[in-house]
Amino acid sequence: MHSLEQNTNIEYYYTMHIAIAGNIGAGKTSLTELLAQHYKWEAHFEEVIDNPYLDDFYNHMERWSFNLQIFFLKSRFAQLISIHEEKKNVIQDRTIYEDAHIFAPNLHAMGLMTKRDFDNYISLFEMMENLIQGPDVMVYLRSTVPNLVNKIQKRGRSFENSISIDYLSRLNERYEAWISKYDKSKLLIIDVDSLDFVNNKEDLGVIIERLDAEINGLF
């Protein structure tokens, strides 16, 4: 998505959009914060704390699945509009593609979203997709389910207490299927099971070094 801009000093710069993708508990928000600090770029986070549907969804998925997914779709689309209009370098926590290719289809397959609601959701996403561009680099945080469970338990969010291993496993399978065919931008896959990029600066440095190589390859 990087676009060439010209300022009053006749100097050129690129605006960069880096997106962080991955299952629940993979470390997207933490990595977004750390990369934003490192590059001194703006961070765009997923609406979790202020999301009015999350608590209800995890307690009654079938009733609230469509509402939740529409909220995320709206929120993510608004983020992309903001990123495009503000023309700033951005690190984004989770993407609109994950909602449409992983979470909504998984809810439908599990019988937690009706075909009517799912078809309505997908048609809305497809209209939005025609109006957006992919990020410059997609960073996918690959994780095993045991590692995800451990991270979720450590952060202790009350609304995540009811997330089942089966649910996480289904999501992981869909993530792997989606990422194997991803073609919207450059792709960087990071196996996070053996990394502690929050507490280990060397591990974070490994990720930054690999991301730098992808960013430099765009020019």
C-alpha atoms as a PDB file:
ATOM      1  CA  MET A   1       0.000   0.000   0.000  1.00  0.00           C
ATOM      2  CA  HIS A   2       3.006   2.322   0.287  1.00  0.00           C
ATOM      3  CA  SER A   3       2.422   5.510  -1.656  1.00  0.00           C
ATOM      4  CA  LEU A   4       4.890   8.157  -2.789  1.00  0.00           C
ATOM      5  CA  GLU A   5       4.275  11.572  -1.255  1.00  0.00           C
ATOM      6  CA  GLN A   6       5.950  14.957  -1.797  1.00  0.00           C
ATOM      7  CA  ASN A   7       6.368  17.602   0.908  1.00  0.00           C
ATOM      8  CA  THR A   8       7.257  21.294   0.759  1.00  0.00           C
ATOM      9  CA  ASN A   9      10.989  20.566   0.914  1.00  0.00           C
ATOM     10  CA  ILE A  10      10.822  18.504  -2.276  1.00  0.00           C
ATOM     11  CA  GLU A  11      11.696  15.378  -0.277  1.00  0.00           C
ATOM     12  CA  TYR A  12       9.906  12.081  -0.759  1.00  0.00           C
ATOM     13  CA  TYR A  13       8.703   9.628   1.823  1.00  0.00           C
ATOM     14  CA  TYR A  14       6.660   6.455   1.957  1.00  0.00           C
ATOM     15  CA  THR A  15       3.813   5.737   4.310  1.00  0.00           C
ATOM     16  CA  MET A  16       4.015   2.203   5.643  1.00  0.00           C
ATOM     17  CA  HIS A  17       1.239  -0.074   6.886  1.00  0.00           C
ATOM     18  CA  ILE A  18       2.394  -3.152   8.794  1.00  0.00           C
ATOM     19  CA  ALA A  19      -0.331  -5.538   9.988  1.00  0.00           C
ATOM     20  CA  ILE A  20       0.047  -8.132  12.752  1.00  0.00           C
ATOM     21  CA  ALA A  21      -2.098 -11.273  12.377  1.00  0.00           C
ATOM     22  CA  GLY A  22      -2.491 -14.313  14.599  1.00  0.00           C
ATOM     23  CA  ASN A  23      -4.783 -16.368  16.782  1.00  0.00           C
ATOM     24  CA  ILE A  24      -6.117 -15.300  20.187  1.00  0.00           C
ATOM     25  CA  GLY A  25      -3.157 -15.168  22.579  1.00  0.00           C
ATOM     26  CA  ALA A  26      -0.425 -15.184  19.925  1.00  0.00           C
ATOM     27  CA  GLY A  27       0.961 -11.832  21.098  1.00  0.00           C
ATOM     28  CA  LYS A  28      -0.371  -9.438  18.452  1.00  0.00           C
ATOM     29  CA  THR A  29      -1.096  -6.525  20.791  1.00  0.00           C
ATOM     30  CA  SER A  30       2.240  -6.816  22.607  1.00  0.00           C
ATOM     31  CA  LEU A  31       4.189  -6.946  19.352  1.00  0.00           C
ATOM     32  CA  THR A  32       2.189  -4.035  17.934  1.00  0.00           C
ATOM     33  CA  GLU A  33       3.112  -1.934  20.971  1.00  0.00           C
ATOM     34  CA  LEU A  34       6.788  -2.895  20.814  1.00  0.00           C
ATOM     35  CA  LEU A  35       7.144  -2.305  17.074  1.00  0.00           C
ATOM     36  CA  ALA A  36       5.335   1.036  17.299  1.00  0.00           C
ATOM     37  CA  GLN A  37       7.792   2.096  20.010  1.00  0.00           C
ATOM     38  CA  HIS A  38      10.790   0.878  18.016  1.00  0.00           C
ATOM     39  CA  TYR A  39       9.868   2.490  14.705  1.00  0.00           C
ATOM     40  CA  LYS A  40       8.103   5.467  16.343  1.00  0.00           C
ATOM     41  CA  TRP A  41       5.029   4.728  14.255  1.00  0.00           C
ATOM     42  CA  GLU A  42       1.360   4.969  15.158  1.00  0.00           C
ATOM     43  CA  ALA A  43      -0.328   1.872  16.612  1.00  0.00           C
ATOM     44  CA  HIS A  44      -3.888   0.884  15.715  1.00  0.00           C
ATOM     45  CA  PHE A  45      -5.310  -1.618  18.189  1.00  0.00           C
ATOM     46  CA  GLU A  46      -8.223  -4.013  18.086  1.00  0.00           C
ATOM     47  CA  GLU A  47     -11.213  -2.799  20.103  1.00  0.00           C
ATOM     48  CA  VAL A  48     -11.331  -5.310  22.957  1.00  0.00           C
ATOM     49  CA  ILE A  49     -11.821  -3.434  26.218  1.00  0.00           C
ATOM     50  CA  ASP A  50     -14.450  -1.108  24.730  1.00  0.00           C
ATOM     51  CA  ASN A  51     -16.149  -3.802  22.690  1.00  0.00           C
ATOM     52  CA  PRO A  52     -19.817  -3.941  23.859  1.00  0.00           C
ATOM     53  CA  TYR A  53     -20.362  -7.519  22.645  1.00  0.00           C
ATOM     54  CA  LEU A  54     -17.380  -9.567  23.836  1.00  0.00           C
ATOM     55  CA  ASP A  55     -18.679 -10.551  27.284  1.00  0.00           C
ATOM     56  CA  ASP A  56     -22.072 -11.523  25.879  1.00  0.00           C
ATOM     57  CA  PHE A  57     -20.486 -13.394  22.986  1.00  0.00           C
ATOM     58  CA  TYR A  58     -18.296 -15.643  25.105  1.00  0.00           C
ATOM     59  CA  ASN A  59     -21.257 -16.440  27.350  1.00  0.00           C
ATOM     60  CA  HIS A  60     -23.741 -17.055  24.515  1.00  0.00           C
ATOM     61  CA  MET A  61     -21.906 -17.360  21.193  1.00  0.00           C
ATOM     62  CA  GLU A  62     -24.862 -18.343  19.056  1.00  0.00           C
ATOM     63  CA  ARG A  63     -26.907 -15.323  20.100  1.00  0.00           C
ATOM     64  CA  TRP A  64     -24.184 -12.702  19.750  1.00  0.00           C
ATOM     65  CA  SER A  65     -21.857 -14.001  17.018  1.00  0.00           C
ATOM     66  CA  PHE A  66     -23.303 -11.900  14.199  1.00  0.00           C
ATOM     67  CA  ASN A  67     -23.392  -8.737  16.324  1.00  0.00           C
ATOM     68  CA  LEU A  68     -19.778  -9.231  17.382  1.00  0.00           C
ATOM     69  CA  GLN A  69     -18.503  -9.863  13.867  1.00  0.00           C
ATOM     70  CA  ILE A  70     -20.340  -6.857  12.449  1.00  0.00           C
ATOM     71  CA  PHE A  71     -18.843  -4.689  15.197  1.00  0.00           C
ATOM     72  CA  PHE A  72     -15.320  -5.896  14.358  1.00  0.00           C
ATOM     73  CA  LEU A  73     -15.929  -5.485  10.624  1.00  0.00           C
ATOM     74  CA  LYS A  74     -17.111  -1.910  11.122  1.00  0.00           C
ATOM     75  CA  SER A  75     -14.218  -1.143  13.465  1.00  0.00           C
ATOM     76  CA  ARG A  76     -11.574  -2.603  11.142  1.00  0.00           C
ATOM     77  CA  PHE A  77     -12.991  -0.835   8.085  1.00  0.00           C
ATOM     78  CA  ALA A  78     -12.965   2.474   9.971  1.00  0.00           C
ATOM     79  CA  GLN A  79      -9.315   1.836  10.900  1.00  0.00           C
ATOM     80  CA  LEU A  80      -8.391   1.301   7.251  1.00  0.00           C
ATOM     81  CA  ILE A  81     -10.137   4.504   6.216  1.00  0.00           C
ATOM     82  CA  SER A  82      -8.234   6.362   8.943  1.00  0.00           C
ATOM     83  CA  ILE A  83      -4.915   4.804   7.879  1.00  0.00           C
ATOM     84  CA  HIS A  84      -5.519   5.825   4.268  1.00  0.00           C
ATOM     85  CA  GLU A  85      -6.607   9.387   5.096  1.00  0.00           C
ATOM     86  CA  GLU A  86      -4.002  10.206   7.744  1.00  0.00           C
ATOM     87  CA  LYS A  87      -1.062   8.937   5.656  1.00  0.00           C
ATOM     88  CA  LYS A  88       0.998   7.964   8.684  1.00  0.00           C
ATOM     89  CA  ASN A  89       3.272   4.997   9.254  1.00  0.00           C
ATOM     90  CA  VAL A  90       1.116   2.442  11.075  1.00  0.00           C
ATOM     91  CA  ILE A  91       1.345  -0.867  12.917  1.00  0.00           C
ATOM     92  CA  GLN A  92      -2.091  -2.526  13.005  1.00  0.00           C
ATOM     93  CA  ASP A  93      -3.208  -5.142  15.541  1.00  0.00           C
ATOM     94  CA  ARG A  94      -5.250  -7.767  13.607  1.00  0.00           C
ATOM     95  CA  THR A  95      -6.795  -7.280  10.168  1.00  0.00           C
ATOM     96  CA  ILE A  96     -10.143  -7.200   8.433  1.00  0.00           C
ATOM     97  CA  TYR A  97      -9.132 -10.355   6.527  1.00  0.00           C
ATOM     98  CA  GLU A  98      -8.983 -12.421   9.703  1.00  0.00           C
ATOM     99  CA  ASP A  99     -12.544 -11.500  10.592  1.00  0.00           C
ATOM    100  CA  ALA A 100     -13.843 -12.531   7.181  1.00  0.00           C
ATOM    101  CA  HIS A 101     -11.671 -15.577   6.442  1.00  0.00           C
ATOM    102  CA  ILE A 102     -11.296 -17.083   9.912  1.00  0.00           C
ATOM    103  CA  PHE A 103     -13.631 -15.946  12.677  1.00  0.00           C
ATOM    104  CA  ALA A 104     -16.935 -15.556  10.833  1.00  0.00           C
ATOM    105  CA  PRO A 105     -16.545 -18.784   8.771  1.00  0.00           C
ATOM    106  CA  ASN A 106     -15.560 -20.677  11.912  1.00  0.00           C
ATOM    107  CA  LEU A 107     -18.648 -19.493  13.771  1.00  0.00           C
ATOM    108  CA  HIS A 108     -20.816 -20.498  10.817  1.00  0.00           C
ATOM    109  CA  ALA A 109     -19.160 -23.940  10.554  1.00  0.00           C
ATOM    110  CA  MET A 110     -19.691 -24.531  14.285  1.00  0.00           C
ATOM    111  CA  GLY A 111     -23.393 -23.733  13.962  1.00  0.00           C
ATOM    112  CA  LEU A 112     -22.962 -20.527  15.958  1.00  0.00           C
ATOM    113  CA  MET A 113     -23.922 -18.198  13.097  1.00  0.00           C
ATOM    114  CA  THR A 114     -26.874 -18.873  10.791  1.00  0.00           C
ATOM    115  CA  LYS A 115     -26.391 -19.149   7.041  1.00  0.00           C
ATOM    116  CA  ARG A 116     -28.547 -16.048   6.589  1.00  0.00           C
ATOM    117  CA  ASP A 117     -26.358 -13.979   8.897  1.00  0.00           C
ATOM    118  CA  PHE A 118     -23.141 -15.413   7.462  1.00  0.00           C
ATOM    119  CA  ASP A 119     -24.166 -14.679   3.861  1.00  0.00           C
ATOM    120  CA  ASN A 120     -25.133 -11.155   4.877  1.00  0.00           C
ATOM    121  CA  TYR A 121     -21.786 -10.670   6.622  1.00  0.00           C
ATOM    122  CA  ILE A 122     -19.742 -11.968   3.669  1.00  0.00           C
ATOM    123  CA  SER A 123     -21.588  -9.797   1.155  1.00  0.00           C
ATOM    124  CA  LEU A 124     -20.858  -6.745   3.317  1.00  0.00           C
ATOM    125  CA  PHE A 125     -17.179  -7.688   3.617  1.00  0.00           C
ATOM    126  CA  GLU A 126     -16.856  -8.200  -0.143  1.00  0.00           C
ATOM    127  CA  MET A 127     -18.217  -4.712  -0.794  1.00  0.00           C
ATOM    128  CA  MET A 128     -15.749  -3.277   1.710  1.00  0.00           C
ATOM    129  CA  GLU A 129     -12.868  -5.278   0.256  1.00  0.00           C
ATOM    130  CA  ASN A 130     -13.324  -3.549  -3.101  1.00  0.00           C
ATOM    131  CA  LEU A 131     -12.603  -0.237  -1.375  1.00  0.00           C
ATOM    132  CA  ILE A 132      -9.485  -1.186   0.596  1.00  0.00           C
ATOM    133  CA  GLN A 133      -5.886  -2.181   0.004  1.00  0.00           C
ATOM    134  CA  GLY A 134      -3.825  -4.763   1.833  1.00  0.00           C
ATOM    135  CA  PRO A 135      -0.975  -3.739   4.164  1.00  0.00           C
ATOM    136  CA  ASP A 136       2.586  -3.374   2.920  1.00  0.00           C
ATOM    137  CA  VAL A 137       3.679  -6.312   5.080  1.00  0.00           C
ATOM    138  CA  MET A 138       1.543  -8.900   6.851  1.00  0.00           C
ATOM    139  CA  VAL A 139       3.270 -10.372   9.914  1.00  0.00           C
ATOM    140  CA  TYR A 140       1.693 -13.698  10.915  1.00  0.00           C
ATOM    141  CA  LEU A 141       2.408 -14.935  14.441  1.00  0.00           C
ATOM    142  CA  ARG A 142       2.279 -18.728  14.243  1.00  0.00           C
ATOM    143  CA  SER A 143       1.627 -20.540  17.528  1.00  0.00           C
ATOM    144  CA  THR A 144       0.614 -23.957  18.798  1.00  0.00           C
ATOM    145  CA  VAL A 145      -2.588 -24.297  20.803  1.00  0.00           C
ATOM    146  CA  PRO A 146      -0.809 -25.130  24.126  1.00  0.00           C
ATOM    147  CA  ASN A 147       1.193 -21.909  23.825  1.00  0.00           C
ATOM    148  CA  LEU A 148      -1.977 -19.931  23.098  1.00  0.00           C
ATOM    149  CA  VAL A 149      -3.726 -21.427  26.129  1.00  0.00           C
ATOM    150  CA  ASN A 150      -0.758 -20.572  28.345  1.00  0.00           C
ATOM    151  CA  LYS A 151      -0.658 -16.956  27.136  1.00  0.00           C
ATOM    152  CA  ILE A 152      -4.435 -16.524  27.512  1.00  0.00           C
ATOM    153  CA  GLN A 153      -4.349 -17.847  31.068  1.00  0.00           C
ATOM    154  CA  LYS A 154      -1.440 -15.575  31.988  1.00  0.00           C
ATOM    155  CA  ARG A 155      -3.147 -12.383  30.852  1.00  0.00           C
ATOM    156  CA  GLY A 156      -6.288 -13.276  32.802  1.00  0.00           C
ATOM    157  CA  ARG A 157      -9.040 -11.549  30.850  1.00  0.00           C
ATOM    158  CA  SER A 158     -12.314 -12.617  32.456  1.00  0.00           C
ATOM    159  CA  PHE A 159     -14.265 -12.786  29.188  1.00  0.00           C
ATOM    160  CA  GLU A 160     -11.710 -15.272  27.783  1.00  0.00           C
ATOM    161  CA  ASN A 161     -12.183 -17.829  30.573  1.00  0.00           C
ATOM    162  CA  SER A 162     -14.754 -19.760  28.555  1.00  0.00           C
ATOM    163  CA  ILE A 163     -12.638 -20.105  25.386  1.00  0.00           C
ATOM    164  CA  SER A 164     -12.286 -23.829  24.707  1.00  0.00           C
ATOM    165  CA  ILE A 165      -9.267 -25.681  23.330  1.00  0.00           C
ATOM    166  CA  ASP A 166     -11.495 -26.960  20.521  1.00  0.00           C
ATOM    167  CA  TYR A 167     -12.375 -23.380  19.547  1.00  0.00           C
ATOM    168  CA  LEU A 168      -8.707 -22.332  19.497  1.00  0.00           C
ATOM    169  CA  SER A 169      -7.777 -25.441  17.497  1.00  0.00           C
ATOM    170  CA  ARG A 170     -10.419 -24.702  14.873  1.00  0.00           C
ATOM    171  CA  LEU A 171      -9.174 -21.136  14.587  1.00  0.00           C
ATOM    172  CA  ASN A 172      -5.571 -22.296  14.247  1.00  0.00           C
ATOM    173  CA  GLU A 173      -6.503 -24.624  11.390  1.00  0.00           C
ATOM    174  CA  ARG A 174      -8.248 -21.777   9.590  1.00  0.00           C
ATOM    175  CA  TYR A 175      -5.333 -19.429  10.170  1.00  0.00           C
ATOM    176  CA  GLU A 176      -2.934 -21.901   8.592  1.00  0.00           C
ATOM    177  CA  ALA A 177      -5.261 -22.463   5.614  1.00  0.00           C
ATOM    178  CA  TRP A 178      -5.693 -18.710   5.110  1.00  0.00           C
ATOM    179  CA  ILE A 179      -2.018 -17.819   5.417  1.00  0.00           C
ATOM    180  CA  SER A 180      -1.013 -20.558   2.974  1.00  0.00           C
ATOM    181  CA  LYS A 181      -2.965 -18.720   0.254  1.00  0.00           C
ATOM    182  CA  TYR A 182      -2.444 -15.134   1.394  1.00  0.00           C
ATOM    183  CA  ASP A 183      -1.473 -12.876  -1.527  1.00  0.00           C
ATOM    184  CA  LYS A 184      -2.495  -9.335  -0.554  1.00  0.00           C
ATOM    185  CA  SER A 185       1.041  -8.185   0.305  1.00  0.00           C
ATOM    186  CA  LYS A 186       4.473  -9.313   1.410  1.00  0.00           C
ATOM    187  CA  LEU A 187       4.205 -11.933   4.163  1.00  0.00           C
ATOM    188  CA  LEU A 188       6.443 -12.545   7.166  1.00  0.00           C
ATOM    189  CA  ILE A 189       5.747 -15.643   9.282  1.00  0.00           C
ATOM    190  CA  ILE A 190       7.100 -15.682  12.853  1.00  0.00           C
ATOM    191  CA  ASP A 191       6.990 -18.879  14.945  1.00  0.00           C
ATOM    192  CA  VAL A 192       6.377 -17.467  18.428  1.00  0.00           C
ATOM    193  CA  ASP A 193       6.397 -20.619  20.576  1.00  0.00           C
ATOM    194  CA  SER A 194      10.137 -20.354  21.184  1.00  0.00           C
ATOM    195  CA  LEU A 195      10.254 -16.543  21.367  1.00  0.00           C
ATOM    196  CA  ASP A 196       9.687 -14.243  24.325  1.00  0.00           C
ATOM    197  CA  PHE A 197       9.820 -10.919  22.520  1.00  0.00           C
ATOM    198  CA  VAL A 198       8.120  -9.118  25.421  1.00  0.00           C
ATOM    199  CA  ASN A 199      10.818  -9.916  28.003  1.00  0.00           C
ATOM    200  CA  ASN A 200      13.801 -10.791  25.802  1.00  0.00           C
ATOM    201  CA  LYS A 201      15.278  -7.964  23.740  1.00  0.00           C
ATOM    202  CA  GLU A 202      17.254 -10.424  21.612  1.00  0.00           C
ATOM    203  CA  ASP A 203      14.062 -12.197  20.552  1.00  0.00           C
ATOM    204  CA  LEU A 204      12.456  -8.864  19.689  1.00  0.00           C
ATOM    205  CA  GLY A 205      15.593  -7.954  17.773  1.00  0.00           C
ATOM    206  CA  VAL A 206      15.255 -11.096  15.651  1.00  0.00           C
ATOM    207  CA  ILE A 207      11.725 -10.072  14.647  1.00  0.00           C
ATOM    208  CA  ILE A 208      12.753  -6.467  13.919  1.00  0.00           C
ATOM    209  CA  GLU A 209      15.685  -7.635  11.800  1.00  0.00           C
ATOM    210  CA  ARG A 210      13.419  -9.862   9.714  1.00  0.00           C
ATOM    211  CA  LEU A 211      10.789  -7.137   9.378  1.00  0.00           C
ATOM    212  CA  ASP A 212      13.439  -4.596   8.337  1.00  0.00           C
ATOM    213  CA  ALA A 213      14.461  -6.934   5.534  1.00  0.00           C
ATOM    214  CA  GLU A 214      10.858  -7.123   4.301  1.00  0.00           C
ATOM    215  CA  ILE A 215      10.373  -3.349   4.518  1.00  0.00           C
ATOM    216  CA  ASN A 216      13.650  -2.623   2.714  1.00  0.00           C
ATOM    217  CA  GLY A 217      12.615  -5.047  -0.008  1.00  0.00           C
ATOM    218  CA  LEU A 218       9.648  -2.814  -0.845  1.00  0.00           C
ATOM    219  CA  PHE A 219      11.863  -0.017  -2.151  1.00  0.00           C
END
